[in-house]
Amino acid sequence: MHTAIVASATAVAALAGQVPAPAPPPAPCQGPEHRQFDFWIGHWDVYGPAGKKVGENLIEAFANGCGLAEHWTGSGGVTCQRAAVVAGVRRWGKDLDSGVRWEVP
């Protein structure tokens, strides 16, 4: 008798909308194809073949990990800003200083 009451209470709760909600879909850009360049993220001192510092590079993730931004500053004051995005299997980027855009199908 007790089992039937528990089963009935469970059925009533399910009909009343008290069933747990399904798990949310995974966040965009969290798959392994979007994590391939995570090792590059950070602030880097860059040295030439002779061991002399030639610049600094700051790499940052943006758009919830869908893209990477590169901020280069050479020791002579030259700067460069680039962004790259992975969207599905397509990859594209843009040199923000020159406006040159590239894409890999």
PDB file of N, CA and C in Angstrom:
ATOM      1  N   MET A   1       0.814  -1.190   0.000  1.00  0.00           N
ATOM      2  CA  MET A   1       0.000   0.000   0.000  1.00  0.00           C
ATOM      3  C   MET A   1       0.864   1.264   0.000  1.00  0.00           C
ATOM      4  N   HIS A   2       1.878   1.271   0.792  1.00  0.00           N
ATOM      5  CA  HIS A   2       2.767   2.432   0.881  1.00  0.00           C
ATOM      6  C   HIS A   2       3.458   2.694  -0.457  1.00  0.00           C
ATOM      7  N   THR A   3       3.865   1.645  -1.159  1.00  0.00           N
ATOM      8  CA  THR A   3       4.526   1.791  -2.452  1.00  0.00           C
ATOM      9  C   THR A   3       3.607   2.443  -3.461  1.00  0.00           C
ATOM     10  N   ALA A   4       2.369   2.086  -3.492  1.00  0.00           N
ATOM     11  CA  ALA A   4       1.403   2.662  -4.427  1.00  0.00           C
ATOM     12  C   ALA A   4       1.219   4.154  -4.160  1.00  0.00           C
ATOM     13  N   ILE A   5       1.236   4.552  -2.913  1.00  0.00           N
ATOM     14  CA  ILE A   5       1.084   5.970  -2.571  1.00  0.00           C
ATOM     15  C   ILE A   5       2.302   6.754  -3.044  1.00  0.00           C
ATOM     16  N   VAL A   6       3.511   6.203  -2.846  1.00  0.00           N
ATOM     17  CA  VAL A   6       4.727   6.871  -3.304  1.00  0.00           C
ATOM     18  C   VAL A   6       4.717   7.002  -4.816  1.00  0.00           C
ATOM     19  N   ALA A   7       4.345   5.936  -5.511  1.00  0.00           N
ATOM     20  CA  ALA A   7       4.287   5.975  -6.966  1.00  0.00           C
ATOM     21  C   ALA A   7       3.276   7.006  -7.425  1.00  0.00           C
ATOM     22  N   SER A   8       2.153   7.091  -6.761  1.00  0.00           N
ATOM     23  CA  SER A   8       1.134   8.068  -7.131  1.00  0.00           C
ATOM     24  C   SER A   8       1.624   9.481  -6.873  1.00  0.00           C
ATOM     25  N   ALA A   9       2.346   9.699  -5.775  1.00  0.00           N
ATOM     26  CA  ALA A   9       2.873  11.022  -5.475  1.00  0.00           C
ATOM     27  C   ALA A   9       3.896  11.432  -6.525  1.00  0.00           C
ATOM     28  N   THR A  10       4.703  10.486  -6.980  1.00  0.00           N
ATOM     29  CA  THR A  10       5.693  10.769  -8.011  1.00  0.00           C
ATOM     30  C   THR A  10       5.006  11.123  -9.323  1.00  0.00           C
ATOM     31  N   ALA A  11       3.981  10.402  -9.681  1.00  0.00           N
ATOM     32  CA  ALA A  11       3.239  10.669 -10.915  1.00  0.00           C
ATOM     33  C   ALA A  11       2.585  12.040 -10.865  1.00  0.00           C
ATOM     34  N   VAL A  12       2.009  12.400  -9.714  1.00  0.00           N
ATOM     35  CA  VAL A  12       1.369  13.710  -9.568  1.00  0.00           C
ATOM     36  C   VAL A  12       2.419  14.813  -9.685  1.00  0.00           C
ATOM     37  N   ALA A  13       3.593  14.624  -9.062  1.00  0.00           N
ATOM     38  CA  ALA A  13       4.658  15.623  -9.138  1.00  0.00           C
ATOM     39  C   ALA A  13       5.116  15.807 -10.582  1.00  0.00           C
ATOM     40  N   ALA A  14       5.232  14.719 -11.337  1.00  0.00           N
ATOM     41  CA  ALA A  14       5.645  14.797 -12.737  1.00  0.00           C
ATOM     42  C   ALA A  14       4.617  15.559 -13.557  1.00  0.00           C
ATOM     43  N   LEU A  15       3.347  15.296 -13.321  1.00  0.00           N
ATOM     44  CA  LEU A  15       2.287  15.983 -14.052  1.00  0.00           C
ATOM     45  C   LEU A  15       2.213  17.460 -13.667  1.00  0.00           C
ATOM     46  N   ALA A  16       2.637  17.798 -12.476  1.00  0.00           N
ATOM     47  CA  ALA A  16       2.576  19.178 -11.997  1.00  0.00           C
ATOM     48  C   ALA A  16       3.769  20.003 -12.470  1.00  0.00           C
ATOM     49  N   GLY A  17       4.658  19.419 -13.272  1.00  0.00           N
ATOM     50  CA  GLY A  17       5.790  20.155 -13.805  1.00  0.00           C
ATOM     51  C   GLY A  17       6.986  20.184 -12.876  1.00  0.00           C
ATOM     52  N   GLN A  18       7.067  19.281 -11.947  1.00  0.00           N
ATOM     53  CA  GLN A  18       8.180  19.253 -11.008  1.00  0.00           C
ATOM     54  C   GLN A  18       9.279  18.297 -11.446  1.00  0.00           C
ATOM     55  N   VAL A  19       9.262  17.924 -12.695  1.00  0.00           N
ATOM     56  CA  VAL A  19      10.303  17.056 -13.242  1.00  0.00           C
ATOM     57  C   VAL A  19      11.545  17.917 -13.471  1.00  0.00           C
ATOM     58  N   PRO A  20      12.731  17.428 -13.107  1.00  0.00           N
ATOM     59  CA  PRO A  20      13.936  18.233 -13.329  1.00  0.00           C
ATOM     60  C   PRO A  20      14.077  18.646 -14.792  1.00  0.00           C
ATOM     61  N   ALA A  21      14.518  19.874 -14.995  1.00  0.00           N
ATOM     62  CA  ALA A  21      14.722  20.381 -16.352  1.00  0.00           C
ATOM     63  C   ALA A  21      15.884  19.648 -17.006  1.00  0.00           C
ATOM     64  N   PRO A  22      15.850  19.495 -18.329  1.00  0.00           N
ATOM     65  CA  PRO A  22      16.987  18.856 -19.007  1.00  0.00           C
ATOM     66  C   PRO A  22      18.244  19.710 -18.847  1.00  0.00           C
ATOM     67  N   ALA A  23      19.366  19.075 -18.955  1.00  0.00           N
ATOM     68  CA  ALA A  23      20.644  19.783 -18.822  1.00  0.00           C
ATOM     69  C   ALA A  23      20.772  20.823 -19.930  1.00  0.00           C
ATOM     70  N   PRO A  24      21.352  21.987 -19.623  1.00  0.00           N
ATOM     71  CA  PRO A  24      21.515  23.013 -20.652  1.00  0.00           C
ATOM     72  C   PRO A  24      22.519  22.548 -21.707  1.00  0.00           C
ATOM     73  N   PRO A  25      22.388  23.058 -22.920  1.00  0.00           N
ATOM     74  CA  PRO A  25      23.350  22.672 -23.959  1.00  0.00           C
ATOM     75  C   PRO A  25      24.738  23.177 -23.584  1.00  0.00           C
ATOM     76  N   PRO A  26      25.782  22.530 -24.105  1.00  0.00           N
ATOM     77  CA  PRO A  26      27.138  22.980 -23.789  1.00  0.00           C
ATOM     78  C   PRO A  26      27.369  24.403 -24.313  1.00  0.00           C
ATOM     79  N   ALA A  27      28.205  25.136 -23.624  1.00  0.00           N
ATOM     80  CA  ALA A  27      28.529  26.498 -24.049  1.00  0.00           C
ATOM     81  C   ALA A  27      29.216  26.461 -25.412  1.00  0.00           C
ATOM     82  N   PRO A  28      28.979  27.474 -26.247  1.00  0.00           N
ATOM     83  CA  PRO A  28      29.642  27.493 -27.552  1.00  0.00           C
ATOM     84  C   PRO A  28      31.153  27.614 -27.393  1.00  0.00           C
ATOM     85  N   CYS A  29      31.857  27.084 -28.356  1.00  0.00           N
ATOM     86  CA  CYS A  29      33.324  27.192 -28.431  1.00  0.00           C
ATOM     87  C   CYS A  29      34.047  26.511 -27.276  1.00  0.00           C
ATOM     88  N   GLN A  30      33.490  25.459 -26.741  1.00  0.00           N
ATOM     89  CA  GLN A  30      34.140  24.742 -25.653  1.00  0.00           C
ATOM     90  C   GLN A  30      34.690  23.387 -26.099  1.00  0.00           C
ATOM     91  N   GLY A  31      34.528  23.047 -27.366  1.00  0.00           N
ATOM     92  CA  GLY A  31      35.031  21.776 -27.886  1.00  0.00           C
ATOM     93  C   GLY A  31      36.543  21.803 -28.047  1.00  0.00           C
ATOM     94  N   PRO A  32      37.140  20.644 -28.247  1.00  0.00           N
ATOM     95  CA  PRO A  32      38.602  20.559 -28.357  1.00  0.00           C
ATOM     96  C   PRO A  32      39.174  21.386 -29.509  1.00  0.00           C
ATOM     97  N   GLU A  33      38.424  21.588 -30.588  1.00  0.00           N
ATOM     98  CA  GLU A  33      38.939  22.382 -31.702  1.00  0.00           C
ATOM     99  C   GLU A  33      39.146  23.838 -31.299  1.00  0.00           C
ATOM    100  N   HIS A  34      38.443  24.287 -30.259  1.00  0.00           N
ATOM    101  CA  HIS A  34      38.595  25.661 -29.778  1.00  0.00           C
ATOM    102  C   HIS A  34      39.661  25.781 -28.687  1.00  0.00           C
ATOM    103  N   ARG A  35      40.216  24.702 -28.249  1.00  0.00           N
ATOM    104  CA  ARG A  35      41.213  24.716 -27.168  1.00  0.00           C
ATOM    105  C   ARG A  35      42.626  24.467 -27.685  1.00  0.00           C
ATOM    106  N   GLN A  36      42.797  24.332 -29.006  1.00  0.00           N
ATOM    107  CA  GLN A  36      44.089  23.974 -29.573  1.00  0.00           C
ATOM    108  C   GLN A  36      45.184  25.009 -29.325  1.00  0.00           C
ATOM    109  N   PHE A  37      44.824  26.272 -29.135  1.00  0.00           N
ATOM    110  CA  PHE A  37      45.827  27.315 -28.959  1.00  0.00           C
ATOM    111  C   PHE A  37      45.811  27.921 -27.556  1.00  0.00           C
ATOM    112  N   ASP A  38      45.166  27.264 -26.605  1.00  0.00           N
ATOM    113  CA  ASP A  38      45.141  27.776 -25.232  1.00  0.00           C
ATOM    114  C   ASP A  38      46.546  27.911 -24.648  1.00  0.00           C
ATOM    115  N   PHE A  39      47.480  27.061 -25.090  1.00  0.00           N
ATOM    116  CA  PHE A  39      48.856  27.136 -24.592  1.00  0.00           C
ATOM    117  C   PHE A  39      49.489  28.492 -24.894  1.00  0.00           C
ATOM    118  N   TRP A  40      48.989  29.184 -25.910  1.00  0.00           N
ATOM    119  CA  TRP A  40      49.572  30.435 -26.385  1.00  0.00           C
ATOM    120  C   TRP A  40      49.084  31.641 -25.581  1.00  0.00           C
ATOM    121  N   ILE A  41      47.951  31.498 -24.889  1.00  0.00           N
ATOM    122  CA  ILE A  41      47.355  32.608 -24.154  1.00  0.00           C
ATOM    123  C   ILE A  41      48.296  33.051 -23.034  1.00  0.00           C
ATOM    124  N   GLY A  42      48.509  34.352 -22.950  1.00  0.00           N
ATOM    125  CA  GLY A  42      49.347  34.910 -21.892  1.00  0.00           C
ATOM    126  C   GLY A  42      50.205  36.045 -22.408  1.00  0.00           C
ATOM    127  N   HIS A  43      51.100  36.508 -21.564  1.00  0.00           N
ATOM    128  CA  HIS A  43      52.028  37.583 -21.909  1.00  0.00           C
ATOM    129  C   HIS A  43      53.403  36.964 -22.138  1.00  0.00           C
ATOM    130  N   TRP A  44      53.968  37.212 -23.311  1.00  0.00           N
ATOM    131  CA  TRP A  44      55.222  36.580 -23.707  1.00  0.00           C
ATOM    132  C   TRP A  44      56.290  37.623 -23.999  1.00  0.00           C
ATOM    133  N   ASP A  45      57.485  37.411 -23.476  1.00  0.00           N
ATOM    134  CA  ASP A  45      58.664  38.153 -23.903  1.00  0.00           C
ATOM    135  C   ASP A  45      59.246  37.355 -25.073  1.00  0.00           C
ATOM    136  N   VAL A  46      59.534  38.021 -26.184  1.00  0.00           N
ATOM    137  CA  VAL A  46      59.993  37.341 -27.398  1.00  0.00           C
ATOM    138  C   VAL A  46      61.456  37.702 -27.647  1.00  0.00           C
ATOM    139  N   TYR A  47      62.270  36.666 -27.868  1.00  0.00           N
ATOM    140  CA  TYR A  47      63.712  36.840 -28.073  1.00  0.00           C
ATOM    141  C   TYR A  47      64.109  36.358 -29.458  1.00  0.00           C
ATOM    142  N   GLY A  48      65.051  37.051 -30.076  1.00  0.00           N
ATOM    143  CA  GLY A  48      65.583  36.665 -31.373  1.00  0.00           C
ATOM    144  C   GLY A  48      66.629  35.583 -31.229  1.00  0.00           C
ATOM    145  N   PRO A  49      67.184  35.094 -32.362  1.00  0.00           N
ATOM    146  CA  PRO A  49      68.166  34.014 -32.349  1.00  0.00           C
ATOM    147  C   PRO A  49      69.422  34.331 -31.532  1.00  0.00           C
ATOM    148  N   ALA A  50      69.792  35.613 -31.441  1.00  0.00           N
ATOM    149  CA  ALA A  50      70.998  35.992 -30.688  1.00  0.00           C
ATOM    150  C   ALA A  50      70.718  36.146 -29.193  1.00  0.00           C
ATOM    151  N   GLY A  51      69.467  35.901 -28.768  1.00  0.00           N
ATOM    152  CA  GLY A  51      69.129  36.002 -27.357  1.00  0.00           C
ATOM    153  C   GLY A  51      68.703  37.385 -26.909  1.00  0.00           C
ATOM    154  N   LYS A  52      68.607  38.341 -27.839  1.00  0.00           N
ATOM    155  CA  LYS A  52      68.194  39.700 -27.510  1.00  0.00           C
ATOM    156  C   LYS A  52      66.669  39.791 -27.569  1.00  0.00           C
ATOM    157  N   LYS A  53      66.066  40.477 -26.582  1.00  0.00           N
ATOM    158  CA  LYS A  53      64.612  40.661 -26.574  1.00  0.00           C
ATOM    159  C   LYS A  53      64.211  41.532 -27.757  1.00  0.00           C
ATOM    160  N   VAL A  54      63.270  41.039 -28.565  1.00  0.00           N
ATOM    161  CA  VAL A  54      62.826  41.766 -29.751  1.00  0.00           C
ATOM    162  C   VAL A  54      61.406  42.303 -29.614  1.00  0.00           C
ATOM    163  N   GLY A  55      60.711  41.918 -28.554  1.00  0.00           N
ATOM    164  CA  GLY A  55      59.367  42.427 -28.365  1.00  0.00           C
ATOM    165  C   GLY A  55      58.593  41.663 -27.316  1.00  0.00           C
ATOM    166  N   GLU A  56      57.331  42.044 -27.212  1.00  0.00           N
ATOM    167  CA  GLU A  56      56.401  41.395 -26.294  1.00  0.00           C
ATOM    168  C   GLU A  56      55.120  41.075 -27.043  1.00  0.00           C
ATOM    169  N   ASN A  57      54.495  39.976 -26.663  1.00  0.00           N
ATOM    170  CA  ASN A  57      53.268  39.546 -27.304  1.00  0.00           C
ATOM    171  C   ASN A  57      52.254  39.207 -26.220  1.00  0.00           C
ATOM    172  N   LEU A  58      51.083  39.802 -26.293  1.00  0.00           N
ATOM    173  CA  LEU A  58      49.987  39.501 -25.376  1.00  0.00           C
ATOM    174  C   LEU A  58      48.901  38.791 -26.167  1.00  0.00           C
ATOM    175  N   ILE A  59      48.577  37.576 -25.761  1.00  0.00           N
ATOM    176  CA  ILE A  59      47.552  36.777 -26.433  1.00  0.00           C
ATOM    177  C   ILE A  59      46.388  36.611 -25.453  1.00  0.00           C
ATOM    178  N   GLU A  60      45.179  36.965 -25.904  1.00  0.00           N
ATOM    179  CA  GLU A  60      43.995  36.885 -25.057  1.00  0.00           C
ATOM    180  C   GLU A  60      42.866  36.151 -25.781  1.00  0.00           C
ATOM    181  N   ALA A  61      42.121  35.358 -25.024  1.00  0.00           N
ATOM    182  CA  ALA A  61      40.902  34.747 -25.570  1.00  0.00           C
ATOM    183  C   ALA A  61      39.780  35.778 -25.476  1.00  0.00           C
ATOM    184  N   PHE A  62      38.848  35.725 -26.437  1.00  0.00           N
ATOM    185  CA  PHE A  62      37.668  36.591 -26.377  1.00  0.00           C
ATOM    186  C   PHE A  62      36.465  35.829 -26.908  1.00  0.00           C
ATOM    187  N   ALA A  63      35.290  36.401 -26.736  1.00  0.00           N
ATOM    188  CA  ALA A  63      34.027  35.807 -27.204  1.00  0.00           C
ATOM    189  C   ALA A  63      33.853  34.392 -26.662  1.00  0.00           C
ATOM    190  N   ASN A  64      34.013  34.252 -25.346  1.00  0.00           N
ATOM    191  CA  ASN A  64      33.837  32.953 -24.671  1.00  0.00           C
ATOM    192  C   ASN A  64      34.741  31.868 -25.236  1.00  0.00           C
ATOM    193  N   GLY A  65      35.933  32.228 -25.639  1.00  0.00           N
ATOM    194  CA  GLY A  65      36.876  31.246 -26.157  1.00  0.00           C
ATOM    195  C   GLY A  65      36.744  30.974 -27.639  1.00  0.00           C
ATOM    196  N   CYS A  66      35.880  31.701 -28.337  1.00  0.00           N
ATOM    197  CA  CYS A  66      35.711  31.500 -29.781  1.00  0.00           C
ATOM    198  C   CYS A  66      36.831  32.157 -30.579  1.00  0.00           C
ATOM    199  N   GLY A  67      37.575  33.057 -29.972  1.00  0.00           N
ATOM    200  CA  GLY A  67      38.621  33.743 -30.706  1.00  0.00           C
ATOM    201  C   GLY A  67      39.829  34.070 -29.860  1.00  0.00           C
ATOM    202  N   LEU A  68      40.902  34.426 -30.540  1.00  0.00           N
ATOM    203  CA  LEU A  68      42.140  34.867 -29.903  1.00  0.00           C
ATOM    204  C   LEU A  68      42.514  36.232 -30.470  1.00  0.00           C
ATOM    205  N   ALA A  69      43.001  37.099 -29.594  1.00  0.00           N
ATOM    206  CA  ALA A  69      43.510  38.402 -30.019  1.00  0.00           C
ATOM    207  C   ALA A  69      44.989  38.459 -29.701  1.00  0.00           C
ATOM    208  N   GLU A  70      45.765  38.968 -30.639  1.00  0.00           N
ATOM    209  CA  GLU A  70      47.208  39.108 -30.472  1.00  0.00           C
ATOM    210  C   GLU A  70      47.562  40.590 -30.464  1.00  0.00           C
ATOM    211  N   HIS A  71      48.351  41.001 -29.474  1.00  0.00           N
ATOM    212  CA  HIS A  71      48.805  42.385 -29.345  1.00  0.00           C
ATOM    213  C   HIS A  71      50.331  42.355 -29.285  1.00  0.00           C
ATOM    214  N   TRP A  72      50.978  42.655 -30.395  1.00  0.00           N
ATOM    215  CA  TRP A  72      52.438  42.612 -30.503  1.00  0.00           C
ATOM    216  C   TRP A  72      53.002  44.023 -30.340  1.00  0.00           C
ATOM    217  N   THR A  73      54.070  44.123 -29.551  1.00  0.00           N
ATOM    218  CA  THR A  73      54.828  45.364 -29.427  1.00  0.00           C
ATOM    219  C   THR A  73      56.297  45.016 -29.605  1.00  0.00           C
ATOM    220  N   GLY A  74      56.893  45.485 -30.692  1.00  0.00           N
ATOM    221  CA  GLY A  74      58.309  45.241 -30.940  1.00  0.00           C
ATOM    222  C   GLY A  74      59.176  46.170 -30.112  1.00  0.00           C
ATOM    223  N   SER A  75      60.406  45.780 -29.886  1.00  0.00           N
ATOM    224  CA  SER A  75      61.306  46.600 -29.073  1.00  0.00           C
ATOM    225  C   SER A  75      61.569  47.959 -29.716  1.00  0.00           C
ATOM    226  N   GLY A  76      61.376  48.071 -31.013  1.00  0.00           N
ATOM    227  CA  GLY A  76      61.540  49.349 -31.708  1.00  0.00           C
ATOM    228  C   GLY A  76      60.275  50.190 -31.734  1.00  0.00           C
ATOM    229  N   GLY A  77      59.226  49.728 -31.065  1.00  0.00           N
ATOM    230  CA  GLY A  77      57.976  50.484 -31.003  1.00  0.00           C
ATOM    231  C   GLY A  77      56.924  50.063 -32.010  1.00  0.00           C
ATOM    232  N   VAL A  78      57.245  49.123 -32.913  1.00  0.00           N
ATOM    233  CA  VAL A  78      56.267  48.653 -33.893  1.00  0.00           C
ATOM    234  C   VAL A  78      55.196  47.843 -33.172  1.00  0.00           C
ATOM    235  N   THR A  79      53.933  48.112 -33.504  1.00  0.00           N
ATOM    236  CA  THR A  79      52.834  47.364 -32.892  1.00  0.00           C
ATOM    237  C   THR A  79      52.005  46.686 -33.966  1.00  0.00           C
ATOM    238  N   CYS A  80      51.314  45.651 -33.579  1.00  0.00           N
ATOM    239  CA  CYS A  80      50.429  44.910 -34.489  1.00  0.00           C
ATOM    240  C   CYS A  80      49.315  44.299 -33.655  1.00  0.00           C
ATOM    241  N   GLN A  81      48.110  44.392 -34.152  1.00  0.00           N
ATOM    242  CA  GLN A  81      46.942  43.804 -33.494  1.00  0.00           C
ATOM    243  C   GLN A  81      46.292  42.837 -34.482  1.00  0.00           C
ATOM    244  N   ARG A  82      46.082  41.592 -34.050  1.00  0.00           N
ATOM    245  CA  ARG A  82      45.414  40.619 -34.914  1.00  0.00           C
ATOM    246  C   ARG A  82      44.369  39.865 -34.115  1.00  0.00           C
ATOM    247  N   ALA A  83      43.353  39.378 -34.805  1.00  0.00           N
ATOM    248  CA  ALA A  83      42.322  38.563 -34.175  1.00  0.00           C
ATOM    249  C   ALA A  83      42.082  37.345 -35.046  1.00  0.00           C
ATOM    250  N   ALA A  84      41.811  36.205 -34.408  1.00  0.00           N
ATOM    251  CA  ALA A  84      41.501  34.973 -35.131  1.00  0.00           C
ATOM    252  C   ALA A  84      40.318  34.313 -34.438  1.00  0.00           C
ATOM    253  N   VAL A  85      39.419  33.752 -35.229  1.00  0.00           N
ATOM    254  CA  VAL A  85      38.202  33.123 -34.711  1.00  0.00           C
ATOM    255  C   VAL A  85      38.042  31.761 -35.349  1.00  0.00           C
ATOM    256  N   VAL A  86      37.598  30.786 -34.550  1.00  0.00           N
ATOM    257  CA  VAL A  86      37.243  29.466 -35.062  1.00  0.00           C
ATOM    258  C   VAL A  86      35.725  29.365 -34.989  1.00  0.00           C
ATOM    259  N   ALA A  87      35.081  29.132 -36.112  1.00  0.00           N
ATOM    260  CA  ALA A  87      33.627  28.987 -36.176  1.00  0.00           C
ATOM    261  C   ALA A  87      33.334  27.668 -36.870  1.00  0.00           C
ATOM    262  N   GLY A  88      33.024  26.655 -36.091  1.00  0.00           N
ATOM    263  CA  GLY A  88      32.851  25.325 -36.659  1.00  0.00           C
ATOM    264  C   GLY A  88      34.183  24.835 -37.172  1.00  0.00           C
ATOM    265  N   VAL A  89      34.256  24.496 -38.451  1.00  0.00           N
ATOM    266  CA  VAL A  89      35.517  24.043 -39.031  1.00  0.00           C
ATOM    267  C   VAL A  89      36.230  25.168 -39.786  1.00  0.00           C
ATOM    268  N   ARG A  90      35.594  26.339 -39.896  1.00  0.00           N
ATOM    269  CA  ARG A  90      36.204  27.468 -40.605  1.00  0.00           C
ATOM    270  C   ARG A  90      37.003  28.318 -39.631  1.00  0.00           C
ATOM    271  N   ARG A  91      38.120  28.831 -40.098  1.00  0.00           N
ATOM    272  CA  ARG A  91      38.956  29.705 -39.293  1.00  0.00           C
ATOM    273  C   ARG A  91      39.212  30.979 -40.090  1.00  0.00           C
ATOM    274  N   TRP A  92      39.097  32.105 -39.430  1.00  0.00           N
ATOM    275  CA  TRP A  92      39.384  33.357 -40.112  1.00  0.00           C
ATOM    276  C   TRP A  92      40.073  34.305 -39.155  1.00  0.00           C
ATOM    277  N   GLY A  93      40.726  35.284 -39.723  1.00  0.00           N
ATOM    278  CA  GLY A  93      41.400  36.269 -38.907  1.00  0.00           C
ATOM    279  C   GLY A  93      41.556  37.567 -39.655  1.00  0.00           C
ATOM    280  N   LYS A  94      41.992  38.569 -38.930  1.00  0.00           N
ATOM    281  CA  LYS A  94      42.176  39.874 -39.542  1.00  0.00           C
ATOM    282  C   LYS A  94      43.311  40.585 -38.828  1.00  0.00           C
ATOM    283  N   ASP A  95      44.209  41.146 -39.621  1.00  0.00           N
ATOM    284  CA  ASP A  95      45.234  42.013 -39.087  1.00  0.00           C
ATOM    285  C   ASP A  95      44.546  43.356 -38.860  1.00  0.00           C
ATOM    286  N   LEU A  96      44.372  43.743 -37.620  1.00  0.00           N
ATOM    287  CA  LEU A  96      43.581  44.928 -37.302  1.00  0.00           C
ATOM    288  C   LEU A  96      44.282  46.224 -37.664  1.00  0.00           C
ATOM    289  N   ASP A  97      45.597  46.163 -37.861  1.00  0.00           N
ATOM    290  CA  ASP A  97      46.329  47.366 -38.248  1.00  0.00           C
ATOM    291  C   ASP A  97      46.237  47.606 -39.753  1.00  0.00           C
ATOM    292  N   SER A  98      46.460  46.572 -40.566  1.00  0.00           N
ATOM    293  CA  SER A  98      46.474  46.737 -42.020  1.00  0.00           C
ATOM    294  C   SER A  98      45.113  46.471 -42.654  1.00  0.00           C
ATOM    295  N   GLY A  99      44.241  45.751 -41.939  1.00  0.00           N
ATOM    296  CA  GLY A  99      42.939  45.403 -42.492  1.00  0.00           C
ATOM    297  C   GLY A  99      42.964  44.148 -43.338  1.00  0.00           C
ATOM    298  N   VAL A 100      44.125  43.492 -43.463  1.00  0.00           N
ATOM    299  CA  VAL A 100      44.224  42.258 -44.251  1.00  0.00           C
ATOM    300  C   VAL A 100      43.434  41.164 -43.530  1.00  0.00           C
ATOM    301  N   ARG A 101      42.561  40.478 -44.279  1.00  0.00           N
ATOM    302  CA  ARG A 101      41.749  39.404 -43.731  1.00  0.00           C
ATOM    303  C   ARG A 101      42.181  38.091 -44.341  1.00  0.00           C
ATOM    304  N   TRP A 102      42.176  37.015 -43.540  1.00  0.00           N
ATOM    305  CA  TRP A 102      42.530  35.686 -44.055  1.00  0.00           C
ATOM    306  C   TRP A 102      41.489  34.688 -43.578  1.00  0.00           C
ATOM    307  N   GLU A 103      41.368  33.620 -44.363  1.00  0.00           N
ATOM    308  CA  GLU A 103      40.405  32.580 -44.042  1.00  0.00           C
ATOM    309  C   GLU A 103      40.939  31.230 -44.486  1.00  0.00           C
ATOM    310  N   VAL A 104      40.686  30.215 -43.651  1.00  0.00           N
ATOM    311  CA  VAL A 104      41.052  28.839 -43.983  1.00  0.00           C
ATOM    312  C   VAL A 104      39.762  28.055 -44.076  1.00  0.00           C
ATOM    313  N   PRO A 105      39.409  27.548 -45.257  1.00  0.00           N
ATOM    314  CA  PRO A 105      38.145  26.797 -45.395  1.00  0.00           C
ATOM    315  C   PRO A 105      38.181  25.474 -44.653  1.00  0.00           C
TER     316      PRO A 105
END
